Structure formats: C-alpha cells, structure tokens
Amino acid sequence: METKILRVVRQGEAFGVQSAKAESGSIQKCNIVLRELGGSKFENEYVCAMLGNLAACKFYEGDVVAATLRFSTHPRVSRTDVPRDSGHGYRED
C-alpha cells in the first residue's frame, strides 16, 4: 500500500454492489479519478473505487486528498499463448 497526496479530477455517483463480506449482502461503491500534484494536466492519474461509508463522501474537482492506493494485477493471456485448436483462438477441453 502506498499513501499519496492527490487532486480530485472527477467523481461518479455512489451505487450498490453485491458483496459476500457485507452483512446486508451489498455495499456502496463510488468511482473517483485522482491526479498526482504538479503543474501539468499530464501528471499520472488513478481511477479508484471508494467502498462502504467512504463512497457516501462527496469530493469536488480540485480538492486535495490523501489516498491509500492498493494495486492488484491479473495475469494477461495473450492470444499467441493459447493453442489454436478450434480456429477461434481458444482451446476446447
């Protein structure tokens, strides 16, 4: 995890999503776009998800916030890595 000071670019509306971890079976989620501080519009940007009670918070364009960023990656499957047994690019088992 990494905490950064960032500027708000825009924020979407909060909406409910299903969650097995929540007691009620659903949790609030809101997407927000954050940009690193600097004088340029070409600074790094992050699209983030705010979950639970944080999703109810409203931030405005230009607000400066502290955010803890958690990154997750998923392995990328290239079409060249998959055998072409069936003609559509994916193996049929």
Protein backbone atom coordinates (compact mmCIF):
# COMPACT_ATOMS: atom_id res chain seq x y z
CA MET A 1 0.00 0.00 0.00
CA GLU A 2 1.10 3.49 -0.74
CA THR A 3 -0.34 6.76 0.56
CA LYS A 4 -0.19 9.78 -1.76
CA ILE A 5 -1.44 13.35 -1.80
CA LEU A 6 -3.58 13.72 -4.95
CA ARG A 7 -6.00 16.14 -6.59
CA VAL A 8 -9.58 15.14 -7.49
CA VAL A 9 -10.33 15.22 -11.23
CA ARG A 10 -13.91 13.92 -11.06
CA GLN A 11 -16.15 11.64 -9.02
CA GLY A 12 -19.08 9.47 -10.06
CA GLU A 13 -22.30 8.76 -8.18
CA ALA A 14 -22.43 6.09 -5.46
CA PHE A 15 -24.24 2.84 -6.29
CA GLY A 16 -24.82 -0.51 -4.59
CA VAL A 17 -22.93 -3.69 -5.48
CA GLN A 18 -23.26 -7.22 -4.14
CA SER A 19 -20.68 -8.25 -1.55
CA ALA A 20 -20.32 -11.51 0.35
CA LYS A 21 -18.36 -9.64 3.05
CA ALA A 22 -21.16 -7.18 3.91
CA GLU A 23 -23.80 -8.14 6.47
CA SER A 24 -26.61 -6.92 4.22
CA GLY A 25 -25.17 -8.59 1.12
CA SER A 26 -24.46 -5.30 -0.62
CA ILE A 27 -22.05 -2.40 -0.25
CA GLN A 28 -21.90 1.14 -1.65
CA LYS A 29 -19.28 1.87 -4.30
CA CYS A 30 -18.19 5.10 -5.97
CA ASN A 31 -15.52 5.65 -8.62
CA ILE A 32 -13.19 8.64 -8.45
CA VAL A 33 -10.36 9.87 -10.68
CA LEU A 34 -7.32 11.26 -8.86
CA ARG A 35 -4.25 13.01 -10.35
CA GLU A 36 -0.79 13.47 -8.87
CA LEU A 37 0.05 17.02 -7.82
CA GLY A 38 2.04 19.06 -10.29
CA GLY A 39 1.61 21.85 -12.74
CA SER A 40 0.68 19.69 -15.71
CA LYS A 41 -2.54 18.05 -16.87
CA PHE A 42 -0.29 15.17 -17.96
CA GLU A 43 0.54 14.02 -14.41
CA ASN A 44 -0.24 10.39 -13.55
CA GLU A 45 -3.94 9.68 -12.94
CA TYR A 46 -5.55 6.86 -10.97
CA VAL A 47 -9.11 5.57 -11.31
CA CYS A 48 -10.09 4.41 -7.83
CA ALA A 49 -13.03 2.77 -6.11
CA MET A 50 -14.31 4.10 -2.80
CA LEU A 51 -16.22 1.47 -0.85
CA GLY A 52 -18.64 1.47 2.09
CA ASN A 53 -19.07 4.67 4.11
CA LEU A 54 -16.34 6.39 2.10
CA ALA A 55 -18.50 6.07 -1.03
CA ALA A 56 -21.01 8.48 0.55
CA CYS A 57 -18.37 11.24 0.80
CA LYS A 58 -18.57 13.92 -1.90
CA PHE A 59 -15.36 15.42 -3.27
CA TYR A 60 -15.18 18.21 -5.84
CA GLU A 61 -12.87 18.87 -8.76
CA GLY A 62 -9.64 20.39 -7.48
CA ASP A 63 -9.97 19.10 -3.90
CA VAL A 64 -6.67 17.83 -2.48
CA VAL A 65 -6.96 14.45 -0.75
CA ALA A 66 -4.74 11.84 0.87
CA ALA A 67 -5.38 8.39 -0.59
CA THR A 68 -4.01 4.96 0.23
CA LEU A 69 -3.59 3.13 -3.06
CA ARG A 70 -3.74 -0.65 -3.26
CA PHE A 71 -2.87 -2.16 -6.59
CA SER A 72 -3.89 -5.55 -7.91
CA THR A 73 -2.81 -7.15 -11.13
CA HIS A 74 -4.17 -10.03 -13.12
CA PRO A 75 -2.17 -12.24 -15.49
CA ARG A 76 -2.73 -11.28 -19.10
CA VAL A 77 -3.49 -14.09 -21.52
CA SER A 78 -2.18 -13.30 -24.95
CA ARG A 79 -3.90 -14.82 -27.95
CA THR A 80 -0.47 -16.10 -29.05
CA ASP A 81 -0.14 -18.05 -25.76
CA VAL A 82 -3.31 -20.08 -26.38
CA PRO A 83 -3.29 -23.08 -28.75
CA ARG A 84 -5.44 -22.59 -31.85
CA ASP A 85 -7.15 -26.00 -31.85
CA SER A 86 -10.69 -24.84 -32.69
CA GLY A 87 -9.96 -21.96 -35.05
CA HIS A 88 -11.31 -19.27 -32.71
CA GLY A 89 -8.13 -18.88 -30.65
CA TYR A 90 -9.12 -20.82 -27.52
CA ARG A 91 -8.69 -24.47 -26.65
CA GLU A 92 -11.84 -26.53 -26.27
CA ASP A 93 -11.48 -29.03 -23.42
